[in-house]
Protein backbone atom coordinates (compact mmCIF):
# COMPACT_ATOMS: atom_id res chain seq x y z
CA MET A 1 85.78 41.48 77.17
CA ILE A 2 88.73 43.86 77.58
CA GLY A 3 88.02 45.34 74.14
CA LYS A 4 84.44 46.13 75.14
CA VAL A 5 85.58 47.73 78.40
CA ARG A 6 88.12 49.80 76.48
CA TRP A 7 85.57 51.14 73.98
CA LYS A 8 83.08 51.79 76.76
CA PHE A 9 85.72 53.87 78.52
CA ILE A 10 86.51 55.70 75.27
CA TRP A 11 82.89 56.59 74.58
CA MET A 12 82.29 57.65 78.18
CA SER A 13 85.36 59.90 78.09
CA VAL A 14 84.48 61.42 74.73
CA SER A 15 80.83 61.85 75.77
CA ALA A 16 81.86 63.68 78.93
CA MET A 17 84.20 65.87 76.90
CA ALA A 18 81.44 66.51 74.36
CA VAL A 19 79.04 67.64 77.09
CA CYS A 20 81.65 69.97 78.60
CA THR A 21 82.52 71.35 75.15
CA ALA A 22 78.85 71.91 74.31
CA VAL A 23 78.31 73.76 77.60
CA ILE A 24 81.36 75.98 77.00
CA ILE A 25 80.36 76.73 73.39
CA ALA A 26 76.80 77.51 74.45
CA ALA A 27 78.03 79.79 77.24
CA ILE A 28 80.42 81.67 74.93
CA ASN A 29 77.73 82.21 72.30
CA LEU A 30 75.09 83.24 74.83
CA VAL A 31 77.42 85.75 76.48
CA ASN A 32 78.46 87.09 73.08
CA TYR A 33 74.83 87.39 71.96
CA TYR A 34 73.81 89.12 75.19
CA TYR A 35 76.73 91.56 75.01
CA LEU A 36 76.25 92.52 71.36
CA ASN A 37 72.48 92.60 71.55
CA SER A 38 72.33 94.69 74.71
CA GLU A 39 74.60 97.38 73.24
CA LEU A 40 72.69 97.38 69.98
CA GLU A 41 69.37 97.70 71.79
CA LYS A 42 70.76 100.63 73.73
CA VAL A 43 71.89 102.39 70.53
CA ILE A 44 68.48 101.80 68.91
CA SER A 45 66.62 103.09 71.98
CA GLU A 46 68.79 106.21 72.25
CA THR A 47 68.35 106.94 68.54
CA SER A 48 64.60 106.40 68.67
CA LEU A 49 64.21 108.73 71.64
CA ASN A 50 66.30 111.31 69.77
CA GLN A 51 63.67 111.43 66.98
CA GLY A 52 65.52 109.06 64.67
CA GLU A 53 68.95 110.67 64.98
CA LEU A 54 71.96 108.99 66.58
CA PRO A 55 72.80 111.28 69.53
CA GLU A 56 75.86 113.42 69.02
CA TYR A 57 76.85 113.18 72.65
CA TRP A 58 78.19 109.66 72.22
CA LYS A 59 81.21 111.13 70.42
CA ASN A 60 82.06 113.35 73.36
CA HIS A 61 81.40 110.88 76.19
CA VAL A 62 84.55 109.41 77.66
CA GLY A 63 85.18 106.87 80.36
CA ARG A 64 84.82 103.12 80.68
CA LYS A 65 81.05 103.30 81.28
CA ASN A 66 80.45 104.82 77.83
CA GLU A 67 83.16 102.90 75.99
CA LYS A 68 80.85 100.01 74.99
CA PHE A 69 78.14 102.39 73.82
CA GLN A 70 80.65 104.44 71.79
CA VAL A 71 81.97 101.31 70.04
CA ALA A 72 78.46 100.08 69.20
CA ALA A 73 77.28 103.53 68.05
CA SER A 74 80.29 103.96 65.78
CA GLN A 75 79.49 100.68 64.04
CA TYR A 76 75.98 101.80 63.12
CA GLU A 77 76.67 105.48 62.36
CA ASN A 78 75.95 104.85 58.68
CA GLN A 79 73.62 101.84 58.99
CA TYR A 80 70.21 103.28 59.95
CA PHE A 81 67.32 105.36 58.65
CA SER A 82 64.13 106.89 60.00
CA VAL A 83 60.59 107.24 58.71
CA TRP A 84 58.09 109.82 60.03
CA ILE A 85 54.56 108.58 59.57
CA TYR A 86 51.65 110.87 60.37
CA GLU A 87 48.40 109.50 61.75
CA ASP A 88 46.32 110.16 58.63
CA GLY A 89 48.84 108.21 56.57
CA ASP A 90 48.89 110.80 53.84
CA LYS A 91 52.24 112.22 54.79
CA GLN A 92 55.43 110.19 55.19
CA VAL A 93 58.92 111.61 55.56
CA VAL A 94 61.96 109.40 55.00
CA ASP A 95 65.48 110.21 56.23
CA LEU A 96 68.04 108.13 54.32
CA LYS A 97 71.13 110.27 54.89
CA HIS A 98 72.68 107.67 57.20
CA ILE A 99 72.34 104.72 54.83
CA ASN A 100 73.10 104.10 51.16
CA ASN A 101 71.70 100.69 50.27
CA VAL A 102 67.98 101.29 50.98
CA THR A 103 65.52 103.09 48.69
CA GLU A 104 62.67 105.29 49.87
CA GLU A 105 60.07 102.67 48.84
CA GLU A 106 61.91 99.96 50.75
CA ALA A 107 62.19 102.21 53.81
CA ILE A 108 58.44 103.00 53.82
CA ASP A 109 57.58 99.32 53.31
CA LEU A 110 59.78 98.27 56.27
CA ALA A 111 58.28 101.02 58.45
CA ASN A 112 54.73 99.91 57.64
CA LYS A 113 55.62 96.29 58.45
CA ALA A 114 57.06 97.45 61.77
CA LEU A 115 53.84 99.29 62.62
CA GLU A 116 51.75 96.26 61.64
CA LEU A 117 53.59 94.19 64.25
CA ASN A 118 52.25 96.63 66.86
CA LYS A 119 55.42 96.43 68.98
CA GLU A 120 57.68 99.20 70.22
CA LYS A 121 60.76 97.12 69.33
CA GLY A 122 61.31 94.13 67.09
CA ARG A 123 63.10 92.49 64.21
CA ILE A 124 62.31 92.19 60.50
CA GLY A 125 64.84 89.99 58.73
CA ASN A 126 68.27 91.60 59.14
CA TYR A 127 66.71 94.83 60.42
CA LYS A 128 65.87 95.89 63.94
CA TYR A 129 63.48 98.75 64.64
CA ALA A 130 62.07 100.94 67.37
CA VAL A 131 58.87 103.00 67.23
CA PHE A 132 58.70 106.37 69.00
CA SER A 133 55.41 108.25 69.30
CA GLU A 134 56.12 111.98 69.16
CA ASN A 135 52.43 112.72 69.72
CA ASP A 136 49.06 111.26 68.81
CA ASN A 137 49.52 112.26 65.18
CA LEU A 138 53.14 111.31 64.56
CA LYS A 139 55.14 108.07 64.86
CA ILE A 140 58.85 107.89 64.16
CA VAL A 141 60.14 104.48 63.06
CA THR A 142 63.90 104.09 63.40
CA ILE A 143 65.34 101.07 61.59
CA PHE A 144 68.90 99.75 61.80
CA ASN A 145 70.55 97.46 59.26
CA CYS A 146 71.96 94.73 61.57
CA GLU A 147 73.35 92.41 58.92
CA SER A 148 76.90 92.77 60.24
CA HIS A 149 75.59 92.28 63.79
CA PHE A 150 73.96 88.93 62.95
CA TYR A 151 76.91 87.95 60.78
CA ASN A 152 79.25 88.34 63.75
CA ILE A 153 76.95 86.26 65.96
CA TYR A 154 76.57 83.47 63.37
CA SER A 155 80.29 83.52 62.55
CA LEU A 156 81.27 83.03 66.18
CA ARG A 157 78.71 80.24 66.45
CA TRP A 158 80.05 78.29 63.49
CA ILE A 159 83.69 78.95 64.37
CA SER A 160 83.19 77.79 67.97
CA VAL A 161 81.26 74.70 66.87
CA SER A 162 83.94 73.84 64.27
CA ILE A 163 86.73 74.26 66.79
CA GLY A 164 84.77 72.17 69.29
CA LEU A 165 84.30 69.34 66.76
CA VAL A 166 87.97 69.39 65.80
CA GLY A 167 88.87 69.37 69.49
CA LEU A 168 86.58 66.41 70.13
CA LEU A 169 88.15 64.53 67.23
CA CYS A 170 91.61 65.18 68.68
CA VAL A 171 90.44 64.07 72.12
CA PHE A 172 88.91 60.91 70.63
CA LEU A 173 92.14 60.00 68.81
CA PHE A 174 94.19 60.76 71.93
CA VAL A 175 91.92 58.66 74.18
CA VAL A 176 91.95 55.78 71.67
CA LEU A 177 95.75 55.87 71.58
CA MET A 178 96.23 56.16 75.32
CA SER A 179 93.48 53.68 76.25
CA GLY A 180 95.28 51.02 74.25
CA LYS A 181 98.34 51.54 76.42
CA ALA A 182 96.24 51.80 79.58
CA VAL A 183 94.48 48.45 79.09
CA LYS A 184 97.58 46.62 77.91
CA PRO A 185 98.36 45.31 81.42
CA LEU A 186 94.74 44.18 81.76
CA ILE A 187 94.93 42.35 78.43
CA GLU A 188 98.11 40.58 79.50
CA SER A 189 96.59 39.72 82.89
CA ASP A 190 93.44 38.38 81.21
CA LYS A 191 95.51 36.23 78.86
CA LYS A 192 97.50 34.85 81.77
CA GLN A 193 94.30 34.11 83.65
CA LYS A 194 92.80 32.22 80.71
CA ARG A 195 96.05 30.37 80.14
CA PHE A 196 96.14 29.42 83.81
CA ILE A 197 92.54 28.12 83.69
CA THR A 198 93.29 26.07 80.59
CA ASP A 199 96.57 24.68 81.97
CA ALA A 200 95.06 24.02 85.39
CA GLY A 201 92.13 22.26 83.76
CA HIS A 202 94.42 19.92 81.89
CA GLU A 203 96.55 19.32 84.98
CA LEU A 204 93.48 18.54 87.10
CA LYS A 205 92.13 16.01 84.61
CA THR A 206 94.95 13.56 85.32
CA PRO A 207 94.52 13.31 89.13
CA LEU A 208 90.73 13.27 88.71
CA THR A 209 91.04 10.36 86.29
CA VAL A 210 93.32 8.52 88.74
CA ILE A 211 90.92 9.12 91.64
CA ALA A 212 87.93 8.00 89.56
CA THR A 213 89.75 4.83 88.44
CA ASN A 214 90.80 4.01 92.02
CA MET A 215 87.25 4.51 93.26
CA ASP A 216 85.91 2.20 90.54
CA ILE A 217 88.42 -0.50 91.52
CA LEU A 218 87.66 0.00 95.22
CA ALA A 219 83.93 -0.28 94.52
CA MET A 220 84.48 -3.59 92.75
CA ASP A 221 86.51 -4.90 95.69
CA ILE A 222 84.30 -3.87 98.61
CA GLY A 223 80.93 -3.46 96.90
CA ASN A 224 78.50 -0.65 97.60
CA ASN A 225 79.94 1.87 100.00
CA GLU A 226 78.61 5.31 100.96
CA TRP A 227 82.05 6.93 101.08
CA VAL A 228 83.07 5.55 97.70
CA GLU A 229 79.82 6.70 96.10
CA ASN A 230 80.17 10.20 97.53
CA THR A 231 83.74 10.41 96.27
CA GLN A 232 82.68 9.27 92.79
CA LYS A 233 79.93 11.93 92.72
CA GLN A 234 82.38 14.66 93.72
CA VAL A 235 84.84 13.52 91.07
CA THR A 236 82.08 13.72 88.44
CA THR A 237 81.16 17.19 89.67
CA MET A 238 84.79 18.33 89.51
CA ARG A 239 85.18 16.95 85.99
CA LYS A 240 82.13 18.89 84.78
CA LEU A 241 83.34 22.07 86.45
CA VAL A 242 86.80 21.77 84.92
CA ASN A 243 85.33 21.09 81.48
CA HIS A 244 83.05 24.14 81.82
CA LEU A 245 85.94 26.39 82.85
CA VAL A 246 88.17 25.21 80.02
CA SER A 247 85.34 25.53 77.49
CA LEU A 248 84.50 29.08 78.64
CA SER A 249 88.15 30.14 78.66
CA ARG A 250 88.68 28.87 75.12
CA MET A 251 85.45 30.42 73.87
CA GLU A 252 86.37 33.86 75.19
CA GLU A 253 89.80 33.89 73.59
CA GLU A 254 89.63 36.42 70.76
CA GLU A 255 92.18 34.58 68.64
CA VAL A 256 90.08 31.40 68.69
CA VAL A 257 88.09 31.17 65.45
CA LEU A 258 85.33 28.60 65.20
CA ASP A 259 85.04 26.48 62.07
CA MET A 260 81.99 28.00 60.39
CA GLN A 261 80.04 25.92 57.89
CA ARG A 262 76.52 26.02 56.51
CA PHE A 263 74.32 23.50 58.33
CA ASN A 264 70.69 22.70 59.05
CA LEU A 265 69.89 24.57 62.27
CA SER A 266 66.40 23.10 62.46
CA HIS A 267 67.76 19.56 62.52
CA ALA A 268 70.42 20.44 65.14
CA VAL A 269 67.87 22.09 67.46
CA THR A 270 65.32 19.26 67.09
CA ASP A 271 67.94 16.59 67.69
CA THR A 272 69.36 18.34 70.78
CA THR A 273 65.97 19.23 72.23
CA ALA A 274 64.55 15.69 71.95
CA SER A 275 66.85 14.31 74.66
CA PHE A 276 65.92 17.14 77.06
CA ALA A 277 62.22 16.56 76.48
CA ALA A 278 62.68 13.11 78.00
CA VAL A 279 64.50 14.60 81.00
CA ALA A 280 61.69 17.12 81.53
CA GLU A 281 59.05 14.37 81.34
CA PHE A 282 60.97 12.30 83.89
CA GLU A 283 60.86 15.29 86.29
CA GLY A 284 57.13 15.78 85.76
CA LYS A 285 57.49 18.83 83.53
CA THR A 286 56.17 19.48 80.04
CA PHE A 287 58.58 20.33 77.23
CA CYS A 288 56.89 21.75 74.12
CA TYR A 289 58.96 22.72 71.13
CA GLU A 290 58.06 24.09 67.71
CA VAL A 291 60.80 24.18 65.10
CA GLU A 292 60.41 25.69 61.65
CA PRO A 293 61.90 23.19 59.18
CA ASP A 294 64.93 23.71 56.95
CA ILE A 295 66.49 26.80 58.52
CA PHE A 296 70.11 26.95 57.43
CA ILE A 297 72.81 29.20 58.90
CA ASN A 298 76.56 29.58 58.72
CA GLY A 299 78.07 28.57 62.03
CA ASN A 300 79.71 25.92 64.11
CA GLU A 301 77.18 23.12 64.55
CA GLY A 302 78.87 21.69 67.63
CA ALA A 303 78.89 25.06 69.41
CA ILE A 304 75.25 25.73 68.47
CA ARG A 305 74.23 22.32 69.82
CA GLN A 306 76.06 23.18 73.04
CA LEU A 307 74.18 26.49 73.20
CA VAL A 308 70.80 24.79 72.78
CA ALA A 309 71.73 22.21 75.41
CA ILE A 310 72.72 24.96 77.88
CA LEU A 311 69.44 26.82 77.39
CA CYS A 312 67.33 23.64 77.64
CA ASP A 313 69.17 22.44 80.74
CA ASN A 314 68.79 25.87 82.35
CA ALA A 315 65.06 26.00 81.55
CA ILE A 316 64.40 22.55 83.02
CA LYS A 317 66.53 23.22 86.08
CA TYR A 318 64.72 26.42 87.04
CA CYS A 319 61.22 25.52 85.88
CA VAL A 320 58.64 25.11 88.64
CA ASP A 321 57.39 21.64 89.46
CA GLU A 322 54.80 20.43 86.94
CA GLY A 323 55.54 23.54 84.89
CA ASP A 324 56.10 23.78 81.17
CA ILE A 325 59.05 24.73 78.97
CA ARG A 326 58.43 26.18 75.52
CA LEU A 327 60.99 26.33 72.74
CA ASN A 328 60.45 27.99 69.37
CA LEU A 329 62.74 28.29 66.37
CA ARG A 330 61.76 30.49 63.43
CA SER A 331 63.34 32.46 60.65
CA LYS A 332 63.24 36.23 60.54
CA GLY A 333 64.60 37.61 57.31
CA LYS A 334 68.14 36.32 56.99
CA LYS A 335 68.35 35.62 60.72
CA ALA A 336 67.20 32.71 62.87
CA VAL A 337 65.42 33.37 66.15
CA LEU A 338 65.56 30.80 68.96
CA ASP A 339 63.25 31.47 71.90
CA ILE A 340 62.96 29.35 75.03
CA SER A 341 60.97 30.13 78.16
CA ASN A 342 59.87 28.42 81.36
CA ARG A 343 57.66 29.14 84.33
CA CYS A 344 59.69 30.38 87.27
CA ASP A 345 58.57 30.87 90.87
CA VAL A 346 61.27 33.46 91.57
CA GLU A 347 60.49 37.10 90.74
CA MET A 348 63.43 38.63 88.89
CA ASP A 349 64.27 42.30 88.69
CA SER A 350 66.18 43.91 85.82
CA LYS A 351 69.36 44.13 87.89
CA SER A 352 69.35 40.39 88.58
CA MET A 353 68.63 39.52 84.96
CA ASN A 354 71.57 41.65 83.79
CA CYS A 355 73.81 39.35 85.85
CA PHE A 356 72.53 36.11 84.30
CA PHE A 357 75.44 35.93 81.86
CA ASP A 358 78.12 36.63 84.48
CA ARG A 359 80.44 33.84 85.53
CA PHE A 360 79.39 31.84 88.60
CA TYR A 361 76.11 33.77 88.96
CA ARG A 362 73.15 31.72 90.17
CA ALA A 363 69.74 33.38 90.35
CA ASP A 364 68.38 31.11 93.06
CA GLU A 365 71.04 29.53 95.27
CA SER A 366 68.49 27.32 97.05
CA ARG A 367 67.49 25.65 93.77
CA SER A 368 71.01 25.25 92.44
CA ARG A 369 71.49 21.86 94.08
CA GLU A 370 67.90 20.87 94.55
CA ASN A 371 67.19 17.19 94.03
CA GLY A 372 70.83 16.44 93.35
CA LYS A 373 71.16 19.09 90.63
CA THR A 374 74.44 20.92 90.37
CA SER A 375 74.82 24.42 88.97
CA TYR A 376 78.15 26.20 88.52
CA GLY A 377 76.82 29.47 87.12
CA LEU A 378 78.93 29.02 83.97
CA GLY A 379 76.43 27.68 81.43
CA LEU A 380 74.90 31.00 80.36
CA SER A 381 78.35 32.61 80.23
CA ILE A 382 79.43 29.89 77.79
CA GLY A 383 76.18 30.35 75.85
CA LYS A 384 76.74 34.09 75.53
CA SER A 385 80.31 33.52 74.30
CA ILE A 386 79.01 31.09 71.65
CA VAL A 387 76.44 33.63 70.45
CA GLU A 388 79.07 36.39 70.29
CA LYS A 389 81.38 34.15 68.27
CA HIS A 390 78.53 33.86 65.77
CA HIS A 391 78.02 37.66 65.81
CA GLY A 392 74.54 37.18 67.23
CA GLN A 393 72.56 38.53 70.16
CA ILE A 394 71.17 36.90 73.30
CA SER A 395 68.80 38.52 75.78
CA VAL A 396 66.66 37.57 78.77
CA GLN A 397 63.19 38.90 79.64
CA GLN A 398 60.69 38.60 82.44
CA ARG A 399 57.37 37.72 80.79
CA GLU A 400 53.74 37.53 81.75
CA GLY A 401 52.44 34.55 83.69
CA GLY A 402 55.58 34.24 85.82
CA ARG A 403 57.70 33.16 82.86
CA ILE A 404 61.30 33.94 82.09
CA GLY A 405 62.56 33.67 78.54
CA PHE A 406 65.80 33.74 76.56
CA THR A 407 65.94 34.95 72.96
CA VAL A 408 68.85 34.22 70.64
CA ILE A 409 69.20 35.89 67.23
CA ILE A 410 71.84 34.44 64.93
């Protein structure tokens, strides 16, 4: 229990940190992209309007307002070219004096692709372009090689993501280390609580046995007596409650290891279910069970029988009058699936069903002691602990026809 709470806290902490880190990384990259892209777009626009020539005035402009533009322009001073394309297409003039790694054929091909896109500005691979119409007969296509621009953007992206992942790993290791120390008092408190329940259970058994023996002797002396009978019933109830508490406490102890052996699950389920079928018939209810033969599993047969008994007792107890209980055992791959359901006159919501396996929870208080029945709200908690000891799964569902069902996969 404490271990699950600890790991839930760890994952919640790391998840929250991951979300914050992702937001920060995204913000940094978006701001960086906007800053670099806006300055580049300004340089491209100014160059395009200047008939494909980077304006000379950027070198002479001073002041903080022009500082960003000057930095961006200086980066692309030797990274652009221009193509003059006349309307008839017969004449094309290429200016490659500001770039060294592009041929005339490549420049004309990029310019034609830019015109085919029919946009004033755009991107072609690692190039960005702007189209300026000098007049109806002439279009000037200015193209910048932005490889370094995109490289800077991608580099910051990968560096920030890498740093974020390393940071998350460090946070995860730190939280794991510190959470162990944080839950240590809870672990010790939980151990003391379980030890107290176990010790108290053993201590209560002796006085309960004495009271029960005295009541039996008194009943033999004075015969039938209402007060004696009530006392005997309460002693029986107390014995069951103590046994349930001790059983649950032992089952939840992590150091307790059940003796696992291969046994015939089909035989154990059939044998346990048969006695409950008679109880259901006595109460006017129908108990139908279908068990696939010869299903073998590795587990503790005694604990599995207790699990089946808990589920059958719970189904009979909360089944409507003259209702039916259905139990099915089948194999699914290497697993065994036990399913039991009953008709229930109480509508359950998901919140209530999530509490079914909590200690002392009773779905319908009014039915807990109906017709002399006694419910402590511990049975399903014990059942869940048994399933977990077998590394299985148990779940509850609200089904059609007013039925509620439990499914165990072991």
